[in-house]
Amino acid sequence: MTQIVMETSFSDLNLVTRGKVRDIYDLGEHLLIVTSDRISAFDVIMNEGIPNKGRVLTQISKFWFEQMDDIIPNHIVATEVADFPAIARKYRDQLEGRSMLVKKASPLPVECIVRGYLSGSGWKEYRQKGSICGIDLPAGLKESQILPEPIFTPSTKAELGEHDENISFAEAMDICGGDLAEQAKQATLTIYNRARTLADSKGIIIADTKFEFGVFEGKLIWIDEALTPDSSRFWPKDLYRPGGAQPSFDKQFLRDYLETLDWGKQAPAPPLPAEIINKTAEKYMEALTRLTGIVL
């Protein structure tokens, strides 16, 4: 039976952050990022984990970081436990396949979101304003419709339990500085365009995704995760029908289930049935296998 890792607790390592999904340890020169099987929806962490989710996210991130390293450098130092510092290697059983040793970068204070299709909060904002993050869009677009061209729609970074807020590019420039914001925007759009083409050839539409960037030794690098089902909307190309919500390979399936409940989208989270847990796990696994050929 698959071991579900809800959190790690390595007593002789320095835990600096436990986020919605990742546990981050400071190993001195580098950080150790461990991707758990936790899953969140509407910024609330569920009580149950999704089998193999942390491994799926790590392997997909590794795949995309490698695909894009000619566009922008990333934070990976090592992904094999054998290459980690000795103090971490004794935790191999919990680290294998779900961890990365990474550079210590200073994260940008905004999330870099790119949308190629009209969905999620972008769809809601478009219906209200006819625009997203200050970018005017043509009238009459349908939900899930492809946009004339991908758009960069940054957001704030909320504290755990709070919600991110969409902001304009001008606001992102004020927060990050004009040069860094422009570099992040160009990297976001370039990565997305290449990823969208590659995923399309594997039968997956990447409707939108969010990136994290940081500054390391004075230069912008790509950090955190890369084009995973946690940070993206993945739709099966063969089932795509604009005009409504789409089937997905991501946690939209979980969100859709939660929307059927009488739950106020605040902690504590409602219990998840085994059927929902297993179906979510299958969707994550299918995304990994379709993109990379890896079968866990």
Protein backbone atom coordinates (compact mmCIF):
# COMPACT_ATOMS: atom_id res chain seq x y z
CA MET A 1 0.00 0.00 0.00
CA THR A 2 1.25 3.48 -0.89
CA GLN A 3 2.52 5.44 2.08
CA ILE A 4 0.82 8.84 2.30
CA VAL A 5 3.16 11.53 3.61
CA MET A 6 1.08 14.28 5.22
CA GLU A 7 4.06 16.03 6.79
CA THR A 8 7.69 15.41 7.58
CA SER A 9 9.39 15.89 10.91
CA PHE A 10 13.16 15.56 10.72
CA SER A 11 14.28 16.47 14.23
CA ASP A 12 17.91 17.28 13.35
CA LEU A 13 17.03 19.41 10.30
CA ASN A 14 15.95 23.04 10.50
CA LEU A 15 12.32 23.31 9.36
CA VAL A 16 11.76 26.88 8.18
CA THR A 17 8.35 26.67 6.48
CA ARG A 18 5.45 24.28 6.28
CA GLY A 19 3.21 25.51 3.48
CA LYS A 20 0.04 24.14 1.95
CA VAL A 21 1.97 21.31 0.30
CA ARG A 22 5.71 21.71 0.89
CA ASP A 23 7.94 21.35 3.95
CA ILE A 24 11.12 23.41 3.57
CA TYR A 25 14.29 22.80 5.56
CA ASP A 26 17.36 25.03 5.75
CA LEU A 27 20.50 22.94 5.24
CA GLY A 28 22.91 25.86 5.34
CA GLU A 29 24.06 26.59 1.80
CA HIS A 30 20.88 25.16 0.28
CA LEU A 31 17.22 24.50 1.05
CA LEU A 32 15.61 21.07 1.06
CA ILE A 33 12.07 21.13 -0.36
CA VAL A 34 9.91 18.11 0.45
CA THR A 35 6.60 17.84 -1.40
CA SER A 36 4.00 16.15 0.78
CA ASP A 37 0.76 14.47 -0.25
CA ARG A 38 -1.29 17.29 1.27
CA ILE A 39 -3.85 18.94 -0.96
CA SER A 40 -5.56 22.29 -0.53
CA ALA A 41 -8.62 23.81 -2.12
CA PHE A 42 -9.90 27.36 -1.70
CA ASP A 43 -6.73 27.92 0.39
CA VAL A 44 -7.81 25.32 2.98
CA ILE A 45 -5.69 22.19 3.53
CA MET A 46 -7.74 19.02 3.41
CA ASN A 47 -7.46 16.50 6.24
CA GLU A 48 -6.68 13.61 3.90
CA GLY A 49 -3.71 13.23 1.60
CA ILE A 50 -3.68 12.14 -2.06
CA PRO A 51 -1.56 9.00 -2.64
CA ASN A 52 1.72 9.72 -4.50
CA LYS A 53 0.77 13.37 -5.07
CA GLY A 54 4.09 14.68 -3.78
CA ARG A 55 6.05 12.38 -6.07
CA VAL A 56 3.89 13.31 -9.05
CA LEU A 57 4.40 17.03 -8.48
CA THR A 58 8.15 16.64 -7.99
CA GLN A 59 8.65 14.55 -11.12
CA ILE A 60 6.52 16.88 -13.26
CA SER A 61 8.44 19.91 -11.95
CA LYS A 62 11.76 18.23 -12.67
CA PHE A 63 10.59 17.48 -16.23
CA TRP A 64 9.57 21.07 -16.94
CA PHE A 65 12.60 22.67 -15.30
CA GLU A 66 14.79 20.57 -17.60
CA GLN A 67 12.70 21.48 -20.66
CA MET A 68 13.08 25.21 -20.03
CA ASP A 69 16.62 25.63 -18.73
CA ASP A 70 17.69 27.43 -21.90
CA ILE A 71 14.98 30.07 -21.27
CA ILE A 72 15.74 30.79 -17.61
CA PRO A 73 17.91 29.12 -14.95
CA ASN A 74 16.10 27.35 -12.11
CA HIS A 75 16.79 26.62 -8.46
CA ILE A 76 17.55 22.88 -8.65
CA VAL A 77 20.86 21.70 -7.18
CA ALA A 78 19.99 17.98 -6.88
CA THR A 79 16.95 15.72 -7.07
CA GLU A 80 18.56 12.40 -6.12
CA VAL A 81 18.82 11.69 -2.39
CA ALA A 82 22.30 10.23 -2.94
CA ASP A 83 23.44 13.74 -3.92
CA PHE A 84 21.97 15.42 -0.83
CA PRO A 85 24.08 16.34 2.22
CA ALA A 86 24.75 13.38 4.52
CA ILE A 87 22.52 14.80 7.26
CA ALA A 88 19.48 14.40 4.96
CA ARG A 89 20.33 11.06 3.34
CA LYS A 90 19.20 8.98 6.33
CA TYR A 91 15.64 10.12 5.59
CA ARG A 92 15.78 8.52 2.14
CA ASP A 93 12.52 6.59 2.61
CA GLN A 94 10.53 9.80 3.02
CA LEU A 95 12.56 11.89 0.58
CA GLU A 96 12.87 9.57 -2.42
CA GLY A 97 11.11 10.99 -5.46
CA ARG A 98 9.44 13.86 -3.59
CA SER A 99 12.29 16.21 -2.68
CA MET A 100 14.73 18.68 -4.20
CA LEU A 101 17.87 20.36 -2.95
CA VAL A 102 17.65 23.94 -4.19
CA LYS A 103 19.42 27.28 -4.24
CA LYS A 104 18.48 29.93 -1.70
CA ALA A 105 16.79 32.63 -3.76
CA SER A 106 14.86 35.71 -2.64
CA PRO A 107 11.30 35.13 -3.96
CA LEU A 108 9.53 37.90 -5.83
CA PRO A 109 6.58 39.22 -3.80
CA VAL A 110 4.08 38.48 -6.60
CA GLU A 111 2.84 35.32 -8.28
CA CYS A 112 3.30 35.27 -12.04
CA ILE A 113 0.17 33.91 -13.71
CA VAL A 114 -0.37 33.34 -17.42
CA ARG A 115 -3.74 32.58 -18.96
CA GLY A 116 -4.24 31.12 -22.40
CA TYR A 117 -7.90 30.28 -21.84
CA LEU A 118 -10.75 32.01 -20.02
CA SER A 119 -11.37 30.12 -16.78
CA GLY A 120 -11.43 30.35 -13.00
CA SER A 121 -11.09 33.78 -11.40
CA GLY A 122 -10.25 35.19 -14.83
CA TRP A 123 -13.64 34.13 -16.17
CA LYS A 124 -15.37 35.69 -13.16
CA GLU A 125 -13.50 38.96 -13.58
CA TYR A 126 -14.15 39.02 -17.33
CA ARG A 127 -17.91 38.62 -16.78
CA GLN A 128 -17.88 41.56 -14.36
CA LYS A 129 -15.51 43.92 -16.14
CA GLY A 130 -14.80 42.65 -19.64
CA SER A 131 -11.14 42.56 -18.65
CA ILE A 132 -8.64 40.65 -16.50
CA CYS A 133 -6.05 42.47 -14.39
CA GLY A 134 -6.64 45.63 -16.40
CA ILE A 135 -6.24 43.86 -19.78
CA ASP A 136 -9.27 44.50 -21.99
CA LEU A 137 -10.58 41.43 -23.82
CA PRO A 138 -12.98 41.07 -26.76
CA ALA A 139 -16.69 41.01 -25.90
CA GLY A 140 -18.70 37.81 -26.14
CA LEU A 141 -16.05 35.28 -25.08
CA LYS A 142 -17.30 32.01 -23.59
CA GLU A 143 -16.10 30.23 -20.48
CA SER A 144 -12.99 28.12 -21.25
CA GLN A 145 -12.54 29.80 -24.66
CA ILE A 146 -9.01 30.22 -25.96
CA LEU A 147 -7.82 33.83 -25.69
CA PRO A 148 -6.54 35.73 -28.74
CA GLU A 149 -3.09 35.46 -27.13
CA PRO A 150 -1.83 34.44 -23.70
CA ILE A 151 -1.99 37.20 -21.09
CA PHE A 152 0.15 37.90 -18.03
CA THR A 153 -2.06 38.40 -14.98
CA PRO A 154 -0.03 38.67 -11.75
CA SER A 155 -1.45 38.37 -8.26
CA THR A 156 -0.49 39.16 -4.71
CA LYS A 157 0.83 36.43 -2.43
CA ALA A 158 -1.60 35.83 0.39
CA GLU A 159 -0.77 34.43 3.78
CA LEU A 160 -1.87 30.85 4.49
CA GLY A 161 -5.66 30.75 4.74
CA GLU A 162 -6.14 34.01 2.84
CA HIS A 163 -6.82 34.54 -0.85
CA ASP A 164 -4.49 35.93 -3.53
CA GLU A 165 -5.75 39.02 -5.34
CA ASN A 166 -5.32 39.73 -9.04
CA ILE A 167 -3.36 42.90 -9.76
CA SER A 168 -2.38 44.85 -12.87
CA PHE A 169 1.08 44.67 -14.40
CA ALA A 170 1.59 48.29 -13.34
CA GLU A 171 0.95 47.27 -9.74
CA ALA A 172 3.37 44.35 -10.12
CA MET A 173 6.01 46.80 -11.37
CA ASP A 174 5.43 48.99 -8.32
CA ILE A 175 5.83 45.99 -6.01
CA CYS A 176 8.83 44.30 -7.67
CA GLY A 177 10.50 47.11 -9.58
CA GLY A 178 10.03 47.65 -13.29
CA ASP A 179 13.01 45.66 -14.57
CA LEU A 180 12.36 42.54 -12.49
CA ALA A 181 8.65 42.62 -13.26
CA GLU A 182 9.36 42.86 -16.99
CA GLN A 183 11.85 39.98 -16.85
CA ALA A 184 9.34 37.85 -14.94
CA LYS A 185 6.58 38.67 -17.41
CA GLN A 186 8.70 37.73 -20.43
CA ALA A 187 9.91 34.50 -18.81
CA THR A 188 6.34 33.58 -17.87
CA LEU A 189 5.01 34.04 -21.40
CA THR A 190 7.98 32.32 -23.07
CA ILE A 191 7.83 29.27 -20.81
CA TYR A 192 4.07 29.00 -21.19
CA ASN A 193 4.12 29.17 -24.97
CA ARG A 194 6.67 26.38 -25.22
CA ALA A 195 4.95 24.27 -22.56
CA ARG A 196 1.56 24.70 -24.19
CA THR A 197 2.88 23.42 -27.52
CA LEU A 198 4.62 20.44 -25.94
CA ALA A 199 1.61 19.50 -23.77
CA ASP A 200 -0.71 19.82 -26.76
CA SER A 201 1.31 17.12 -28.52
CA LYS A 202 0.62 14.86 -25.50
CA GLY A 203 -3.12 15.52 -25.57
CA ILE A 204 -3.16 18.07 -22.73
CA ILE A 205 -4.33 21.69 -22.86
CA ILE A 206 -2.58 23.93 -20.32
CA ALA A 207 -5.30 26.50 -19.80
CA ASP A 208 -3.35 28.61 -17.32
CA THR A 209 -0.53 28.28 -14.82
CA LYS A 210 1.32 30.24 -12.17
CA PHE A 211 5.06 30.59 -11.67
CA GLU A 212 7.29 31.70 -8.84
CA PHE A 213 10.53 33.50 -9.55
CA GLY A 214 13.32 34.61 -7.24
CA VAL A 215 16.58 36.50 -7.32
CA PHE A 216 19.78 34.49 -6.85
CA GLU A 217 23.21 36.13 -7.08
CA GLY A 218 21.60 39.18 -8.69
CA LYS A 219 19.75 37.27 -11.42
CA LEU A 220 16.17 36.12 -11.88
CA ILE A 221 15.68 32.36 -11.58
CA TRP A 222 12.65 30.05 -11.66
CA ILE A 223 11.80 28.55 -8.25
CA ASP A 224 9.16 26.51 -6.41
CA GLU A 225 7.22 24.19 -8.76
CA ALA A 226 6.90 24.01 -12.52
CA LEU A 227 3.67 23.54 -14.47
CA THR A 228 2.13 20.95 -12.14
CA PRO A 229 -1.54 20.03 -11.66
CA ASP A 230 -1.38 22.06 -8.42
CA SER A 231 -0.29 25.25 -10.16
CA SER A 232 -2.04 24.81 -13.52
CA ARG A 233 -5.29 23.86 -15.19
CA PHE A 234 -4.69 20.77 -17.32
CA TRP A 235 -7.55 19.77 -19.63
CA PRO A 236 -7.80 16.66 -21.83
CA LYS A 237 -7.58 17.94 -25.41
CA ASP A 238 -9.95 15.32 -26.81
CA LEU A 239 -12.76 16.38 -24.45
CA TYR A 240 -12.33 20.15 -24.82
CA ARG A 241 -15.61 21.98 -25.48
CA PRO A 242 -15.65 25.76 -24.86
CA GLY A 243 -18.76 27.22 -23.26
CA GLY A 244 -18.50 25.78 -19.75
CA ALA A 245 -16.21 24.12 -17.23
CA GLN A 246 -13.87 21.42 -18.55
CA PRO A 247 -12.86 17.96 -17.37
CA SER A 248 -9.37 18.22 -15.88
CA PHE A 249 -6.21 16.44 -14.74
CA ASP A 250 -5.82 18.75 -11.78
CA LYS A 251 -7.49 19.53 -8.47
CA GLN A 252 -10.42 21.23 -10.19
CA PHE A 253 -12.09 17.84 -9.77
CA LEU A 254 -11.73 18.22 -6.00
CA ARG A 255 -12.91 21.85 -6.10
CA ASP A 256 -15.99 20.82 -8.09
CA TYR A 257 -16.85 18.19 -5.48
CA LEU A 258 -16.42 20.67 -2.63
CA GLU A 259 -18.69 23.15 -4.42
CA THR A 260 -21.53 20.62 -4.04
CA LEU A 261 -21.22 20.67 -0.23
CA ASP A 262 -22.70 23.01 2.32
CA TRP A 263 -19.25 24.25 3.32
CA GLY A 264 -18.16 27.85 3.76
CA LYS A 265 -14.65 27.34 2.28
CA GLN A 266 -13.07 27.98 5.65
CA ALA A 267 -11.16 25.60 7.93
CA PRO A 268 -11.88 23.01 9.12
CA ALA A 269 -12.11 21.14 5.83
CA PRO A 270 -14.88 18.60 5.30
CA PRO A 271 -13.89 14.90 5.18
CA LEU A 272 -13.17 13.55 1.70
CA PRO A 273 -14.73 10.26 0.57
CA ALA A 274 -12.33 7.52 -0.61
CA GLU A 275 -13.81 7.81 -4.11
CA ILE A 276 -12.82 11.49 -4.37
CA ILE A 277 -9.32 10.81 -2.98
CA ASN A 278 -8.69 7.93 -5.40
CA LYS A 279 -10.10 9.74 -8.42
CA THR A 280 -7.97 12.80 -7.67
CA ALA A 281 -4.88 10.57 -7.38
CA GLU A 282 -5.69 8.99 -10.75
CA LYS A 283 -5.97 12.38 -12.42
CA TYR A 284 -2.59 13.53 -11.07
CA MET A 285 -0.99 10.25 -12.13
CA GLU A 286 -2.43 10.45 -15.63
CA ALA A 287 -1.02 13.97 -16.05
CA LEU A 288 2.45 12.71 -15.07
CA THR A 289 2.33 9.72 -17.39
CA ARG A 290 0.96 11.62 -20.37
CA LEU A 291 3.55 14.38 -20.06
CA THR A 292 6.65 12.42 -19.11
CA GLY A 293 5.98 8.73 -19.73
CA ILE A 294 6.76 8.05 -16.06
CA VAL A 295 4.58 5.51 -14.27
CA LEU A 296 4.87 5.48 -10.47
